[in-house]
Amino acid sequence: MDLLTVNEGKALSRLVILALLTAGGVGLFVFESLLPQPLPGGKIGLSQVATIFALYLFGLPSAFAVILMRIFITSLLMGTMLNPIFIFALAGGIVSTLTMGLVRRYVGAITILGNSVLGALTHNATQLVVAYVVYIHQSEIFWLLPYLILISLAAGLGIGLVTRLLLARYFVMISPHYSLEAEGNG
């Protein structure tokens, strides 16, 4: 097998994994939309597992591909394209993914759990700012912040834990000698 074929195989494998992560994120989003919500429009963020998995497996550009494709596909499926739900999801998704990607790259000591909590916090904070600037224009909306911080902590820890376990399982499948702790990502 020549080098070109090996590189093409790696690129195809990466594309397939990103497609599976996107599909998994869509599935988790649809599943979660069937669950009762603590706040109108409030969700745990199960689909973020796919984004964080992509971030830790391939890096920020791949995580952006997964989050953007997931948002566009779910918006089409749920009939929310270009409405406020779409705007909130897009803003929160972009800012939280960018934040987690930059922290992952430049702050080496943060764990997947910590980065997931940070992503949840920035996602909710971004959505509050968008609601204030674009729709509501009333500072009272920020009274939701303490409640959203608590939700973000719990959801971020849960999503981070699930992602960490899935990544560990993935690495065990591809290499029995790989460990997240050995890479400093635990």
Protein backbone atom coordinates (compact mmCIF):
# COMPACT_ATOMS: atom_id res chain seq x y z
CA MET A 1 0.00 0.00 0.00
CA ASP A 2 1.54 3.35 -1.00
CA LEU A 3 1.52 6.54 1.08
CA LEU A 4 -1.24 8.21 -0.92
CA THR A 5 -3.57 5.29 -0.30
CA VAL A 6 -2.76 5.29 3.43
CA ASN A 7 -3.46 9.04 3.67
CA GLU A 8 -6.69 8.65 1.72
CA GLY A 9 -7.72 5.84 4.06
CA LYS A 10 -7.01 7.99 7.11
CA ALA A 11 -8.98 10.89 5.65
CA LEU A 12 -11.89 8.61 4.85
CA SER A 13 -11.80 7.10 8.35
CA ARG A 14 -11.85 10.58 9.86
CA LEU A 15 -14.75 11.63 7.65
CA VAL A 16 -16.73 8.52 8.59
CA ILE A 17 -16.11 9.08 12.30
CA LEU A 18 -17.18 12.74 12.01
CA ALA A 19 -20.32 11.70 10.14
CA LEU A 20 -21.10 9.14 12.85
CA LEU A 21 -20.52 11.75 15.57
CA THR A 22 -22.81 14.19 13.77
CA ALA A 23 -25.51 11.53 13.37
CA GLY A 24 -25.09 10.56 17.03
CA GLY A 25 -25.41 14.21 18.05
CA VAL A 26 -28.59 14.55 15.98
CA GLY A 27 -30.01 11.39 17.55
CA LEU A 28 -29.19 12.57 21.07
CA PHE A 29 -30.74 15.97 20.35
CA VAL A 30 -33.97 14.42 19.06
CA PHE A 31 -34.08 12.02 22.03
CA GLU A 32 -33.54 14.87 24.48
CA SER A 33 -36.25 16.95 22.82
CA LEU A 34 -38.71 14.26 23.89
CA LEU A 35 -37.76 14.60 27.57
CA PRO A 36 -39.39 17.10 29.97
CA GLN A 37 -37.45 20.37 30.15
CA PRO A 38 -36.63 22.19 33.41
CA LEU A 39 -37.00 25.58 31.67
CA PRO A 40 -38.74 26.41 28.40
CA GLY A 41 -36.06 25.76 25.78
CA GLY A 42 -33.68 24.46 28.45
CA LYS A 43 -31.89 21.22 27.71
CA ILE A 44 -29.13 19.18 29.33
CA GLY A 45 -27.14 19.19 26.11
CA LEU A 46 -26.70 15.47 25.46
CA SER A 47 -25.71 16.18 21.85
CA GLN A 48 -22.62 18.01 23.12
CA VAL A 49 -21.09 14.58 23.76
CA ALA A 50 -20.51 14.34 20.00
CA THR A 51 -18.91 17.80 19.80
CA ILE A 52 -16.56 17.24 22.74
CA PHE A 53 -15.66 13.77 21.45
CA ALA A 54 -14.70 15.33 18.09
CA LEU A 55 -12.75 18.08 19.85
CA TYR A 56 -10.66 15.64 21.86
CA LEU A 57 -10.24 13.16 19.02
CA PHE A 58 -9.52 15.47 16.07
CA GLY A 59 -9.35 19.09 17.30
CA LEU A 60 -11.28 22.34 16.98
CA PRO A 61 -12.00 22.39 13.22
CA SER A 62 -13.60 18.93 13.41
CA ALA A 63 -15.58 19.90 16.51
CA PHE A 64 -16.89 22.94 14.61
CA ALA A 65 -17.89 20.69 11.70
CA VAL A 66 -19.84 18.42 14.05
CA ILE A 67 -21.59 21.21 15.98
CA LEU A 68 -22.52 23.20 12.86
CA MET A 69 -23.80 20.19 10.94
CA ARG A 70 -25.72 18.99 13.99
CA ILE A 71 -27.36 22.39 14.49
CA PHE A 72 -28.35 22.73 10.84
CA ILE A 73 -29.65 19.16 10.56
CA THR A 74 -31.65 19.30 13.80
CA SER A 75 -33.04 22.70 12.85
CA LEU A 76 -34.28 21.24 9.59
CA LEU A 77 -35.71 18.16 11.34
CA MET A 78 -37.41 20.12 14.12
CA GLY A 79 -38.63 23.00 11.93
CA THR A 80 -36.65 25.65 13.79
CA MET A 81 -34.41 26.91 10.96
CA LEU A 82 -33.68 30.64 11.35
CA ASN A 83 -36.07 31.13 14.26
CA PRO A 84 -34.96 32.16 17.77
CA ILE A 85 -34.21 28.56 18.81
CA PHE A 86 -31.84 28.23 15.86
CA ILE A 87 -30.14 31.56 16.68
CA PHE A 88 -29.69 30.54 20.34
CA ALA A 89 -28.32 27.11 19.39
CA LEU A 90 -25.95 28.52 16.78
CA ALA A 91 -24.58 31.29 19.02
CA GLY A 92 -24.23 29.03 22.06
CA GLY A 93 -22.72 26.21 20.01
CA ILE A 94 -20.14 28.38 18.27
CA VAL A 95 -19.02 30.23 21.40
CA SER A 96 -18.90 27.15 23.64
CA THR A 97 -17.04 25.06 21.05
CA LEU A 98 -14.56 27.86 20.40
CA THR A 99 -14.03 28.33 24.14
CA MET A 100 -13.48 24.62 24.76
CA GLY A 101 -11.15 24.37 21.76
CA LEU A 102 -9.02 27.33 22.82
CA VAL A 103 -8.87 26.12 26.43
CA ARG A 104 -7.91 22.63 25.25
CA ARG A 105 -5.14 24.05 23.12
CA TYR A 106 -3.72 26.71 25.43
CA VAL A 107 -4.57 25.48 28.95
CA GLY A 108 -3.11 22.00 29.10
CA ALA A 109 -4.06 21.16 32.68
CA ILE A 110 -7.85 21.26 32.25
CA THR A 111 -9.65 17.91 32.14
CA ILE A 112 -12.45 16.86 29.82
CA LEU A 113 -14.84 17.30 32.76
CA GLY A 114 -13.63 20.83 33.46
CA ASN A 115 -13.72 21.77 29.81
CA SER A 116 -17.24 20.37 29.46
CA VAL A 117 -18.43 22.46 32.41
CA LEU A 118 -16.77 25.52 30.86
CA GLY A 119 -18.53 24.75 27.58
CA ALA A 120 -21.90 24.45 29.33
CA LEU A 121 -21.34 27.72 31.20
CA THR A 122 -20.33 29.64 28.06
CA HIS A 123 -23.20 28.11 26.07
CA ASN A 124 -25.79 29.27 28.60
CA ALA A 125 -24.16 32.67 29.14
CA THR A 126 -24.02 33.24 25.38
CA GLN A 127 -27.68 32.37 25.02
CA LEU A 128 -28.60 34.83 27.78
CA VAL A 129 -26.61 37.59 26.08
CA VAL A 130 -28.24 36.82 22.72
CA ALA A 131 -31.68 36.84 24.35
CA TYR A 132 -30.91 40.21 25.93
CA VAL A 133 -29.34 41.87 22.87
CA VAL A 134 -31.58 40.50 20.14
CA TYR A 135 -34.95 39.71 21.72
CA ILE A 136 -35.74 40.80 25.26
CA HIS A 137 -33.76 44.00 26.04
CA GLN A 138 -34.52 43.65 29.75
CA SER A 139 -31.68 43.17 32.20
CA GLU A 140 -33.94 41.06 34.43
CA ILE A 141 -33.19 38.12 32.16
CA PHE A 142 -29.80 37.86 33.88
CA TRP A 143 -31.60 36.84 37.07
CA LEU A 144 -31.65 33.40 35.45
CA LEU A 145 -27.86 33.28 35.59
CA PRO A 146 -27.47 31.66 39.05
CA TYR A 147 -29.96 28.95 38.10
CA LEU A 148 -28.23 28.39 34.75
CA ILE A 149 -24.82 28.19 36.44
CA LEU A 150 -26.09 25.35 38.65
CA ILE A 151 -27.63 23.58 35.64
CA SER A 152 -24.40 24.11 33.68
CA LEU A 153 -22.29 22.61 36.44
CA ALA A 154 -24.43 19.49 36.67
CA ALA A 155 -24.96 19.09 32.92
CA GLY A 156 -21.32 19.88 32.09
CA LEU A 157 -20.05 17.31 34.58
CA GLY A 158 -22.47 14.68 33.29
CA ILE A 159 -21.70 15.34 29.62
CA GLY A 160 -17.98 15.47 30.35
CA LEU A 161 -18.09 12.18 32.24
CA VAL A 162 -19.99 10.42 29.45
CA THR A 163 -17.60 11.83 26.84
CA ARG A 164 -14.55 10.83 28.85
CA LEU A 165 -15.87 7.27 29.23
CA LEU A 166 -16.70 7.02 25.51
CA LEU A 167 -13.29 8.38 24.51
CA ALA A 168 -11.56 5.94 26.85
CA ARG A 169 -13.57 3.09 25.34
CA TYR A 170 -12.75 4.29 21.83
CA PHE A 171 -9.03 4.40 22.58
CA VAL A 172 -9.16 0.95 24.19
CA MET A 173 -10.72 -0.34 20.98
CA ILE A 174 -8.01 1.15 18.75
CA SER A 175 -5.05 0.57 21.04
CA PRO A 176 -5.04 -1.49 24.23
CA HIS A 177 -2.06 0.54 25.49
CA TYR A 178 -3.60 4.01 25.15
CA SER A 179 -4.76 5.89 28.22
CA LEU A 180 -6.33 9.33 28.66
CA GLU A 181 -4.31 9.81 31.84
CA ALA A 182 -1.07 9.19 29.93
CA GLU A 183 -2.00 12.01 27.57
CA GLY A 184 -2.92 14.43 30.35
CA ASN A 185 -6.53 14.58 29.14
CA GLY A 186 -8.15 12.70 32.03
